[in-house]
Full PDB file with SEQRES, HELIX, SHEET, SSBOND, CRYST1, ORIGX, SCALE, CONECT and MASTER records, all heavy atoms in Angstrom:
SEQRES   1 A   35  VAL ILE PRO THR ASP ASN GLU GLU ASP ARG LYS GLN LEU          
SEQRES   2 A   35  GLN GLU ARG ILE ILE SER LEU ASN ALA SER MET GLU ASP          
SEQRES   3 A   35  GLN GLU ALA LYS ILE ALA GLN LEU GLN                          
HELIX    1 AA1 GLU A    7  LEU A   34  1                                  28    
CRYST1    1.000    1.000    1.000  90.00  90.00  90.00 P 1           1          
ORIGX1      1.000000  0.000000  0.000000        0.00000                         
ORIGX2      0.000000  1.000000  0.000000        0.00000                         
ORIGX3      0.000000  0.000000  1.000000        0.00000                         
SCALE1      1.000000  0.000000  0.000000        0.00000                         
SCALE2      0.000000  1.000000  0.000000        0.00000                         
SCALE3      0.000000  0.000000  1.000000        0.00000                         
ATOM      1  N   VAL A   1     -10.276   0.185  14.668  1.00  0.00           N  
ATOM      2  CA  VAL A   1      -9.295   0.612  15.663  1.00  0.00           C  
ATOM      3  C   VAL A   1      -8.624  -0.607  16.335  1.00  0.00           C  
ATOM      4  O   VAL A   1      -7.433  -0.594  16.530  1.00  0.00           O  
ATOM      5  CB  VAL A   1      -9.982   1.415  16.782  1.00  0.00           C  
ATOM      6  CG1 VAL A   1      -9.073   1.836  17.856  1.00  0.00           C  
ATOM      7  CG2 VAL A   1     -10.632   2.686  16.128  1.00  0.00           C  
ATOM      8  N   ILE A   2      -9.376  -1.652  16.685  1.00  0.00           N  
ATOM      9  CA  ILE A   2      -8.827  -2.783  17.394  1.00  0.00           C  
ATOM     10  C   ILE A   2      -8.362  -3.796  16.401  1.00  0.00           C  
ATOM     11  O   ILE A   2      -9.065  -4.267  15.496  1.00  0.00           O  
ATOM     12  CB  ILE A   2      -9.925  -3.438  18.271  1.00  0.00           C  
ATOM     13  CG1 ILE A   2     -10.387  -2.445  19.363  1.00  0.00           C  
ATOM     14  CG2 ILE A   2      -9.354  -4.679  18.971  1.00  0.00           C  
ATOM     15  CD1 ILE A   2     -11.507  -2.944  20.181  1.00  0.00           C  
ATOM     16  N   PRO A   3      -7.031  -4.187  16.447  1.00  0.00           N  
ATOM     17  CA  PRO A   3      -6.486  -5.186  15.461  1.00  0.00           C  
ATOM     18  C   PRO A   3      -7.045  -6.577  15.759  1.00  0.00           C  
ATOM     19  O   PRO A   3      -7.343  -6.926  16.897  1.00  0.00           O  
ATOM     20  CB  PRO A   3      -4.998  -5.104  15.706  1.00  0.00           C  
ATOM     21  CG  PRO A   3      -4.870  -4.540  17.129  1.00  0.00           C  
ATOM     22  CD  PRO A   3      -6.044  -3.746  17.412  1.00  0.00           C  
ATOM     23  N   THR A   4      -7.171  -7.413  14.728  1.00  0.00           N  
ATOM     24  CA  THR A   4      -7.655  -8.739  14.859  1.00  0.00           C  
ATOM     25  C   THR A   4      -6.559  -9.703  14.411  1.00  0.00           C  
ATOM     26  O   THR A   4      -5.577  -9.302  13.738  1.00  0.00           O  
ATOM     27  CB  THR A   4      -8.881  -8.964  13.999  1.00  0.00           C  
ATOM     28  OG1 THR A   4      -8.548  -8.748  12.644  1.00  0.00           O  
ATOM     29  CG2 THR A   4     -10.035  -8.062  14.346  1.00  0.00           C  
ATOM     30  N   ASP A   5      -6.703 -10.950  14.797  1.00  0.00           N  
ATOM     31  CA  ASP A   5      -5.710 -11.993  14.446  1.00  0.00           C  
ATOM     32  C   ASP A   5      -6.170 -12.753  13.184  1.00  0.00           C  
ATOM     33  O   ASP A   5      -5.568 -13.730  12.843  1.00  0.00           O  
ATOM     34  CB  ASP A   5      -5.538 -12.994  15.589  1.00  0.00           C  
ATOM     35  CG  ASP A   5      -4.767 -12.345  16.754  1.00  0.00           C  
ATOM     36  OD1 ASP A   5      -4.082 -11.322  16.472  1.00  0.00           O  
ATOM     37  OD2 ASP A   5      -4.929 -12.779  17.896  1.00  0.00           O  
ATOM     38  N   ASN A   6      -7.232 -12.296  12.573  1.00  0.00           N  
ATOM     39  CA  ASN A   6      -7.757 -13.014  11.420  1.00  0.00           C  
ATOM     40  C   ASN A   6      -6.781 -13.012  10.268  1.00  0.00           C  
ATOM     41  O   ASN A   6      -6.208 -12.009   9.869  1.00  0.00           O  
ATOM     42  CB  ASN A   6      -9.095 -12.332  10.981  1.00  0.00           C  
ATOM     43  CG  ASN A   6      -9.894 -13.158  10.053  1.00  0.00           C  
ATOM     44  OD1 ASN A   6      -9.417 -14.174   9.478  1.00  0.00           O  
ATOM     45  ND2 ASN A   6     -11.096 -12.717   9.817  1.00  0.00           N  
ATOM     46  N   GLU A   7      -6.520 -14.188   9.665  1.00  0.00           N  
ATOM     47  CA  GLU A   7      -5.560 -14.356   8.578  1.00  0.00           C  
ATOM     48  C   GLU A   7      -5.983 -13.574   7.364  1.00  0.00           C  
ATOM     49  O   GLU A   7      -5.154 -12.968   6.671  1.00  0.00           O  
ATOM     50  CB  GLU A   7      -5.404 -15.855   8.279  1.00  0.00           C  
ATOM     51  CG  GLU A   7      -4.229 -16.142   7.392  1.00  0.00           C  
ATOM     52  CD  GLU A   7      -2.827 -15.753   7.934  1.00  0.00           C  
ATOM     53  OE1 GLU A   7      -2.670 -15.872   9.123  1.00  0.00           O  
ATOM     54  OE2 GLU A   7      -1.969 -15.414   7.116  1.00  0.00           O  
ATOM     55  N   GLU A   8      -7.252 -13.646   7.095  1.00  0.00           N  
ATOM     56  CA  GLU A   8      -7.771 -12.857   5.860  1.00  0.00           C  
ATOM     57  C   GLU A   8      -7.552 -11.373   6.012  1.00  0.00           C  
ATOM     58  O   GLU A   8      -7.144 -10.699   5.094  1.00  0.00           O  
ATOM     59  CB  GLU A   8      -9.276 -13.146   5.698  1.00  0.00           C  
ATOM     60  CG  GLU A   8      -9.609 -14.514   5.135  1.00  0.00           C  
ATOM     61  CD  GLU A   8     -11.088 -14.746   4.938  1.00  0.00           C  
ATOM     62  OE1 GLU A   8     -11.796 -13.679   4.690  1.00  0.00           O  
ATOM     63  OE2 GLU A   8     -11.561 -15.835   4.974  1.00  0.00           O  
ATOM     64  N   ASP A   9      -7.772 -10.917   7.247  1.00  0.00           N  
ATOM     65  CA  ASP A   9      -7.535  -9.444   7.471  1.00  0.00           C  
ATOM     66  C   ASP A   9      -6.073  -9.119   7.265  1.00  0.00           C  
ATOM     67  O   ASP A   9      -5.732  -8.069   6.746  1.00  0.00           O  
ATOM     68  CB  ASP A   9      -7.976  -9.067   8.876  1.00  0.00           C  
ATOM     69  CG  ASP A   9      -9.518  -9.060   9.036  1.00  0.00           C  
ATOM     70  OD1 ASP A   9     -10.186  -9.081   7.996  1.00  0.00           O  
ATOM     71  OD2 ASP A   9     -10.003  -9.056  10.193  1.00  0.00           O  
ATOM     72  N   ARG A  10      -5.197  -9.984   7.720  1.00  0.00           N  
ATOM     73  CA  ARG A  10      -3.734  -9.741   7.526  1.00  0.00           C  
ATOM     74  C   ARG A  10      -3.383  -9.723   6.051  1.00  0.00           C  
ATOM     75  O   ARG A  10      -2.613  -8.919   5.560  1.00  0.00           O  
ATOM     76  CB  ARG A  10      -2.941 -10.801   8.233  1.00  0.00           C  
ATOM     77  CG  ARG A  10      -2.879 -10.638   9.756  1.00  0.00           C  
ATOM     78  CD  ARG A  10      -1.856 -11.562  10.321  1.00  0.00           C  
ATOM     79  NE  ARG A  10      -1.923 -11.425  11.782  1.00  0.00           N  
ATOM     80  CZ  ARG A  10      -1.321 -12.192  12.597  1.00  0.00           C  
ATOM     81  NH1 ARG A  10      -0.619 -13.235  12.148  1.00  0.00           N  
ATOM     82  NH2 ARG A  10      -1.308 -11.977  13.905  1.00  0.00           N  
ATOM     83  N   LYS A  11      -3.945 -10.673   5.305  1.00  0.00           N  
ATOM     84  CA  LYS A  11      -3.659 -10.735   3.863  1.00  0.00           C  
ATOM     85  C   LYS A  11      -4.174  -9.498   3.156  1.00  0.00           C  
ATOM     86  O   LYS A  11      -3.477  -8.882   2.330  1.00  0.00           O  
ATOM     87  CB  LYS A  11      -4.303 -11.961   3.198  1.00  0.00           C  
ATOM     88  CG  LYS A  11      -3.513 -13.272   3.475  1.00  0.00           C  
ATOM     89  CD  LYS A  11      -4.201 -14.408   2.781  1.00  0.00           C  
ATOM     90  CE  LYS A  11      -3.476 -15.711   3.086  1.00  0.00           C  
ATOM     91  NZ  LYS A  11      -4.142 -16.904   2.449  1.00  0.00           N  
ATOM     92  N   GLN A  12      -5.390  -9.101   3.555  1.00  0.00           N  
ATOM     93  CA  GLN A  12      -5.970  -7.841   2.928  1.00  0.00           C  
ATOM     94  C   GLN A  12      -5.106  -6.633   3.326  1.00  0.00           C  
ATOM     95  O   GLN A  12      -4.887  -5.749   2.495  1.00  0.00           O  
ATOM     96  CB  GLN A  12      -7.409  -7.630   3.473  1.00  0.00           C  
ATOM     97  CG  GLN A  12      -8.457  -8.595   2.827  1.00  0.00           C  
ATOM     98  CD  GLN A  12      -9.804  -8.274   3.357  1.00  0.00           C  
ATOM     99  OE1 GLN A  12     -10.020  -7.543   4.308  1.00  0.00           O  
ATOM    100  NE2 GLN A  12     -10.803  -8.940   2.764  1.00  0.00           N  
ATOM    101  N   LEU A  13      -4.656  -6.611   4.578  1.00  0.00           N  
ATOM    102  CA  LEU A  13      -3.811  -5.554   5.021  1.00  0.00           C  
ATOM    103  C   LEU A  13      -2.527  -5.518   4.281  1.00  0.00           C  
ATOM    104  O   LEU A  13      -2.025  -4.454   3.812  1.00  0.00           O  
ATOM    105  CB  LEU A  13      -3.571  -5.617   6.520  1.00  0.00           C  
ATOM    106  CG  LEU A  13      -2.880  -4.443   7.188  1.00  0.00           C  
ATOM    107  CD1 LEU A  13      -3.735  -3.184   7.033  1.00  0.00           C  
ATOM    108  CD2 LEU A  13      -2.579  -4.737   8.653  1.00  0.00           C  
ATOM    109  N   GLN A  14      -1.876  -6.686   4.064  1.00  0.00           N  
ATOM    110  CA  GLN A  14      -0.668  -6.775   3.263  1.00  0.00           C  
ATOM    111  C   GLN A  14      -0.866  -6.321   1.784  1.00  0.00           C  
ATOM    112  O   GLN A  14      -0.063  -5.623   1.261  1.00  0.00           O  
ATOM    113  CB  GLN A  14      -0.065  -8.178   3.354  1.00  0.00           C  
ATOM    114  CG  GLN A  14       0.579  -8.536   4.672  1.00  0.00           C  
ATOM    115  CD  GLN A  14       1.083  -9.937   4.696  1.00  0.00           C  
ATOM    116  OE1 GLN A  14       0.701 -10.771   3.945  1.00  0.00           O  
ATOM    117  NE2 GLN A  14       1.884 -10.233   5.752  1.00  0.00           N  
ATOM    118  N   GLU A  15      -1.977  -6.809   1.223  1.00  0.00           N  
ATOM    119  CA  GLU A  15      -2.294  -6.403  -0.159  1.00  0.00           C  
ATOM    120  C   GLU A  15      -2.491  -4.899  -0.227  1.00  0.00           C  
ATOM    121  O   GLU A  15      -2.078  -4.252  -1.168  1.00  0.00           O  
ATOM    122  CB  GLU A  15      -3.526  -7.125  -0.645  1.00  0.00           C  
ATOM    123  CG  GLU A  15      -3.337  -8.611  -0.897  1.00  0.00           C  
ATOM    124  CD  GLU A  15      -4.605  -9.324  -1.252  1.00  0.00           C  
ATOM    125  OE1 GLU A  15      -5.676  -8.690  -1.353  1.00  0.00           O  
ATOM    126  OE2 GLU A  15      -4.518 -10.566  -1.405  1.00  0.00           O  
ATOM    127  N   ARG A  16      -3.112  -4.348   0.768  1.00  0.00           N  
ATOM    128  CA  ARG A  16      -3.372  -2.935   0.817  1.00  0.00           C  
ATOM    129  C   ARG A  16      -2.027  -2.170   0.864  1.00  0.00           C  
ATOM    130  O   ARG A  16      -1.840  -1.174   0.193  1.00  0.00           O  
ATOM    131  CB  ARG A  16      -4.263  -2.592   1.976  1.00  0.00           C  
ATOM    132  CG  ARG A  16      -4.501  -1.146   2.169  1.00  0.00           C  
ATOM    133  CD  ARG A  16      -5.910  -0.806   1.909  1.00  0.00           C  
ATOM    134  NE  ARG A  16      -6.198   0.591   2.327  1.00  0.00           N  
ATOM    135  CZ  ARG A  16      -6.633   1.473   1.548  1.00  0.00           C  
ATOM    136  NH1 ARG A  16      -6.860   1.191   0.303  1.00  0.00           N  
ATOM    137  NH2 ARG A  16      -6.792   2.695   1.898  1.00  0.00           N  
ATOM    138  N   ILE A  17      -1.163  -2.722   1.716  1.00  0.00           N  
ATOM    139  CA  ILE A  17       0.170  -2.055   1.912  1.00  0.00           C  
ATOM    140  C   ILE A  17       0.915  -2.136   0.614  1.00  0.00           C  
ATOM    141  O   ILE A  17       1.567  -1.142   0.209  1.00  0.00           O  
ATOM    142  CB  ILE A  17       0.967  -2.719   3.053  1.00  0.00           C  
ATOM    143  CG1 ILE A  17       0.321  -2.397   4.420  1.00  0.00           C  
ATOM    144  CG2 ILE A  17       2.432  -2.325   3.065  1.00  0.00           C  
ATOM    145  CD1 ILE A  17       0.906  -3.143   5.581  1.00  0.00           C  
ATOM    146  N   ILE A  18       0.923  -3.309  -0.056  1.00  0.00           N  
ATOM    147  CA  ILE A  18       1.595  -3.407  -1.336  1.00  0.00           C  
ATOM    148  C   ILE A  18       0.979  -2.482  -2.354  1.00  0.00           C  
ATOM    149  O   ILE A  18       1.766  -1.810  -3.115  1.00  0.00           O  
ATOM    150  CB  ILE A  18       1.532  -4.940  -1.802  1.00  0.00           C  
ATOM    151  CG1 ILE A  18       2.377  -5.822  -0.940  1.00  0.00           C  
ATOM    152  CG2 ILE A  18       2.003  -5.010  -3.259  1.00  0.00           C  
ATOM    153  CD1 ILE A  18       2.165  -7.276  -1.142  1.00  0.00           C  
ATOM    154  N   SER A  19      -0.318  -2.415  -2.404  1.00  0.00           N  
ATOM    155  CA  SER A  19      -1.034  -1.436  -3.327  1.00  0.00           C  
ATOM    156  C   SER A  19      -0.624  -0.038  -3.053  1.00  0.00           C  
ATOM    157  O   SER A  19      -0.348   0.703  -3.980  1.00  0.00           O  
ATOM    158  CB  SER A  19      -2.465  -1.697  -3.244  1.00  0.00           C  
ATOM    159  OG  SER A  19      -3.203  -0.676  -3.918  1.00  0.00           O  
ATOM    160  N   LEU A  20      -0.599   0.350  -1.785  1.00  0.00           N  
ATOM    161  CA  LEU A  20      -0.247   1.728  -1.414  1.00  0.00           C  
ATOM    162  C   LEU A  20       1.241   2.019  -1.761  1.00  0.00           C  
ATOM    163  O   LEU A  20       1.567   3.086  -2.216  1.00  0.00           O  
ATOM    164  CB  LEU A  20      -0.463   1.978   0.055  1.00  0.00           C  
ATOM    165  CG  LEU A  20      -1.949   2.057   0.495  1.00  0.00           C  
ATOM    166  CD1 LEU A  20      -2.111   2.077   1.970  1.00  0.00           C  
ATOM    167  CD2 LEU A  20      -2.590   3.269  -0.174  1.00  0.00           C  
ATOM    168  N   ASN A  21       2.086   1.017  -1.553  1.00  0.00           N  
ATOM    169  CA  ASN A  21       3.557   1.185  -1.895  1.00  0.00           C  
ATOM    170  C   ASN A  21       3.661   1.389  -3.412  1.00  0.00           C  
ATOM    171  O   ASN A  21       4.470   2.252  -3.874  1.00  0.00           O  
ATOM    172  CB  ASN A  21       4.387  -0.001  -1.432  1.00  0.00           C  
ATOM    173  CG  ASN A  21       4.700   0.074   0.071  1.00  0.00           C  
ATOM    174  OD1 ASN A  21       4.600   1.155   0.665  1.00  0.00           O  
ATOM    175  ND2 ASN A  21       4.995  -1.075   0.664  1.00  0.00           N  
ATOM    176  N   ALA A  22       2.946   0.574  -4.197  1.00  0.00           N  
ATOM    177  CA  ALA A  22       3.038   0.681  -5.631  1.00  0.00           C  
ATOM    178  C   ALA A  22       2.489   2.027  -6.086  1.00  0.00           C  
ATOM    179  O   ALA A  22       3.083   2.701  -6.944  1.00  0.00           O  
ATOM    180  CB  ALA A  22       2.229  -0.466  -6.271  1.00  0.00           C  
ATOM    181  N   SER A  23       1.425   2.488  -5.443  1.00  0.00           N  
ATOM    182  CA  SER A  23       0.792   3.779  -5.744  1.00  0.00           C  
ATOM    183  C   SER A  23       1.821   4.895  -5.405  1.00  0.00           C  
ATOM    184  O   SER A  23       1.997   5.867  -6.188  1.00  0.00           O  
ATOM    185  CB  SER A  23      -0.468   3.959  -5.039  1.00  0.00           C  
ATOM    186  OG  SER A  23      -0.982   5.252  -5.249  1.00  0.00           O  
ATOM    187  N   MET A  24       2.469   4.723  -4.283  1.00  0.00           N  
ATOM    188  CA  MET A  24       3.523   5.743  -3.856  1.00  0.00           C  
ATOM    189  C   MET A  24       4.646   5.771  -4.883  1.00  0.00           C  
ATOM    190  O   MET A  24       5.096   6.860  -5.212  1.00  0.00           O  
ATOM    191  CB  MET A  24       4.037   5.388  -2.462  1.00  0.00           C  
ATOM    192  CG  MET A  24       3.496   6.339  -1.416  1.00  0.00           C  
ATOM    193  SD  MET A  24       3.987   5.946   0.283  1.00  0.00           S  
ATOM    194  CE  MET A  24       5.676   5.385   0.207  1.00  0.00           C  
ATOM    195  N   GLU A  25       5.058   4.635  -5.229  1.00  0.00           N  
ATOM    196  CA  GLU A  25       6.225   4.589  -6.266  1.00  0.00           C  
ATOM    197  C   GLU A  25       5.834   5.210  -7.547  1.00  0.00           C  
ATOM    198  O   GLU A  25       6.570   5.942  -8.198  1.00  0.00           O  
ATOM    199  CB  GLU A  25       6.689   3.152  -6.445  1.00  0.00           C  
ATOM    200  CG  GLU A  25       7.447   2.556  -5.262  1.00  0.00           C  
ATOM    201  CD  GLU A  25       7.782   1.091  -5.384  1.00  0.00           C  
ATOM    202  OE1 GLU A  25       7.580   0.543  -6.484  1.00  0.00           O  
ATOM    203  OE2 GLU A  25       8.352   0.509  -4.460  1.00  0.00           O  
ATOM    204  N   ASP A  26       4.581   4.934  -7.975  1.00  0.00           N  
ATOM    205  CA  ASP A  26       4.011   5.488  -9.145  1.00  0.00           C  
ATOM    206  C   ASP A  26       3.984   7.102  -9.080  1.00  0.00           C  
ATOM    207  O   ASP A  26       4.364   7.753  -9.966  1.00  0.00           O  
ATOM    208  CB  ASP A  26       2.639   4.944  -9.486  1.00  0.00           C  
ATOM    209  CG  ASP A  26       2.112   5.391 -10.799  1.00  0.00           C  
ATOM    210  OD1 ASP A  26       2.883   5.454 -11.798  1.00  0.00           O  
ATOM    211  OD2 ASP A  26       0.911   5.701 -10.875  1.00  0.00           O  
ATOM    212  N   GLN A  27       3.489   7.541  -7.966  1.00  0.00           N  
ATOM    213  CA  GLN A  27       3.422   8.988  -7.713  1.00  0.00           C  
ATOM    214  C   GLN A  27       4.846   9.550  -7.703  1.00  0.00           C  
ATOM    215  O   GLN A  27       5.068  10.687  -8.192  1.00  0.00           O  
ATOM    216  CB  GLN A  27       2.698   9.257  -6.365  1.00  0.00           C  
ATOM    217  CG  GLN A  27       1.263   8.962  -6.353  1.00  0.00           C  
ATOM    218  CD  GLN A  27       0.421   9.693  -7.343  1.00  0.00           C  
ATOM    219  OE1 GLN A  27       0.729  10.874  -7.633  1.00  0.00           O  
ATOM    220  NE2 GLN A  27      -0.564   9.087  -7.982  1.00  0.00           N  
ATOM    221  N   GLU A  28       5.737   8.896  -7.075  1.00  0.00           N  
ATOM    222  CA  GLU A  28       7.158   9.368  -7.018  1.00  0.00           C  
ATOM    223  C   GLU A  28       7.798   9.389  -8.421  1.00  0.00           C  
ATOM    224  O   GLU A  28       8.469  10.364  -8.774  1.00  0.00           O  
ATOM    225  CB  GLU A  28       8.017   8.488  -6.083  1.00  0.00           C  
ATOM    226  CG  GLU A  28       7.700   8.732  -4.619  1.00  0.00           C  
ATOM    227  CD  GLU A  28       8.460   7.743  -3.714  1.00  0.00           C  
ATOM    228  OE1 GLU A  28       9.155   6.881  -4.266  1.00  0.00           O  
ATOM    229  OE2 GLU A  28       8.311   7.828  -2.521  1.00  0.00           O  
ATOM    230  N   ALA A  29       7.473   8.447  -9.225  1.00  0.00           N  
ATOM    231  CA  ALA A  29       7.946   8.441 -10.587  1.00  0.00           C  
ATOM    232  C   ALA A  29       7.313   9.630 -11.411  1.00  0.00           C  
ATOM    233  O   ALA A  29       8.023  10.290 -12.136  1.00  0.00           O  
ATOM    234  CB  ALA A  29       7.542   7.136 -11.308  1.00  0.00           C  
ATOM    235  N   LYS A  30       6.013   9.885 -11.168  1.00  0.00           N  
ATOM    236  CA  LYS A  30       5.423  11.033 -11.826  1.00  0.00           C  
ATOM    237  C   LYS A  30       6.044  12.364 -11.360  1.00  0.00           C  
ATOM    238  O   LYS A  30       6.277  13.209 -12.185  1.00  0.00           O  
ATOM    239  CB  LYS A  30       3.897  11.024 -11.543  1.00  0.00           C  
ATOM    240  CG  LYS A  30       3.083  10.032 -12.325  1.00  0.00           C  
ATOM    241  CD  LYS A  30       1.624  10.097 -11.974  1.00  0.00           C  
ATOM    242  CE  LYS A  30       0.837   8.971 -12.765  1.00  0.00           C  
ATOM    243  NZ  LYS A  30      -0.532   8.968 -12.395  1.00  0.00           N  
ATOM    244  N   ILE A  31       6.311  12.422 -10.091  1.00  0.00           N  
ATOM    245  CA  ILE A  31       6.929  13.654  -9.541  1.00  0.00           C  
ATOM    246  C   ILE A  31       8.264  13.812 -10.124  1.00  0.00           C  
ATOM    247  O   ILE A  31       8.649  14.937 -10.564  1.00  0.00           O  
ATOM    248  CB  ILE A  31       7.020  13.553  -8.009  1.00  0.00           C  
ATOM    249  CG1 ILE A  31       5.624  13.716  -7.356  1.00  0.00           C  
ATOM    250  CG2 ILE A  31       7.966  14.586  -7.418  1.00  0.00           C  
ATOM    251  CD1 ILE A  31       5.535  13.417  -5.902  1.00  0.00           C  
ATOM    252  N   ALA A  32       9.107  12.735 -10.229  1.00  0.00           N  
ATOM    253  CA  ALA A  32      10.412  12.779 -10.799  1.00  0.00           C  
ATOM    254  C   ALA A  32      10.325  13.234 -12.299  1.00  0.00           C  
ATOM    255  O   ALA A  32      11.104  14.067 -12.792  1.00  0.00           O  
ATOM    256  CB  ALA A  32      11.125  11.476 -10.739  1.00  0.00           C  
ATOM    257  N   GLN A  33       9.317  12.725 -13.026  1.00  0.00           N  
ATOM    258  CA  GLN A  33       9.149  13.075 -14.414  1.00  0.00           C  
ATOM    259  C   GLN A  33       8.769  14.553 -14.547  1.00  0.00           C  
ATOM    260  O   GLN A  33       9.304  15.260 -15.386  1.00  0.00           O  
ATOM    261  CB  GLN A  33       8.037  12.243 -15.114  1.00  0.00           C  
ATOM    262  CG  GLN A  33       7.767  12.515 -16.507  1.00  0.00           C  
ATOM    263  CD  GLN A  33       6.597  11.697 -17.064  1.00  0.00           C  
ATOM    264  OE1 GLN A  33       5.967  10.909 -16.401  1.00  0.00           O  
ATOM    265  NE2 GLN A  33       6.322  11.879 -18.393  1.00  0.00           N  
ATOM    266  N   LEU A  34       7.833  14.975 -13.680  1.00  0.00           N  
ATOM    267  CA  LEU A  34       7.433  16.409 -13.768  1.00  0.00           C  
ATOM    268  C   LEU A  34       8.589  17.341 -13.359  1.00  0.00           C  
ATOM    269  O   LEU A  34       8.775  18.394 -13.971  1.00  0.00           O  
ATOM    270  CB  LEU A  34       6.238  16.662 -12.742  1.00  0.00           C  
ATOM    271  CG  LEU A  34       4.946  16.062 -13.175  1.00  0.00           C  
ATOM    272  CD1 LEU A  34       3.897  16.248 -12.083  1.00  0.00           C  
ATOM    273  CD2 LEU A  34       4.420  16.784 -14.429  1.00  0.00           C  
ATOM    274  N   GLN A  35       9.432  16.873 -12.379  1.00  0.00           N  
ATOM    275  CA  GLN A  35      10.600  17.703 -12.045  1.00  0.00           C  
ATOM    276  C   GLN A  35      11.577  17.775 -13.211  1.00  0.00           C  
ATOM    277  O   GLN A  35      12.142  18.806 -13.480  1.00  0.00           O  
ATOM    278  CB  GLN A  35      11.299  17.100 -10.811  1.00  0.00           C  
ATOM    279  CG  GLN A  35      12.441  17.893 -10.264  1.00  0.00           C  
ATOM    280  CD  GLN A  35      11.978  19.259  -9.775  1.00  0.00           C  
ATOM    281  OE1 GLN A  35      10.969  19.409  -9.065  1.00  0.00           O  
ATOM    282  NE2 GLN A  35      12.708  20.286 -10.139  1.00  0.00           N  
TER     283      GLN A  35                                                      
MASTER        0    0    0    1    0    0    0    6  282    1    0    3          
END                                                                             
């Protein structure tokens, strides 16, 4: 719940965001293909 200033946590968070964005784009591509 409480955010930290740790650089590693920020990197992990950014990697997670990038991973989630890639997963979202992949899902959107699958949805477009199914449509």
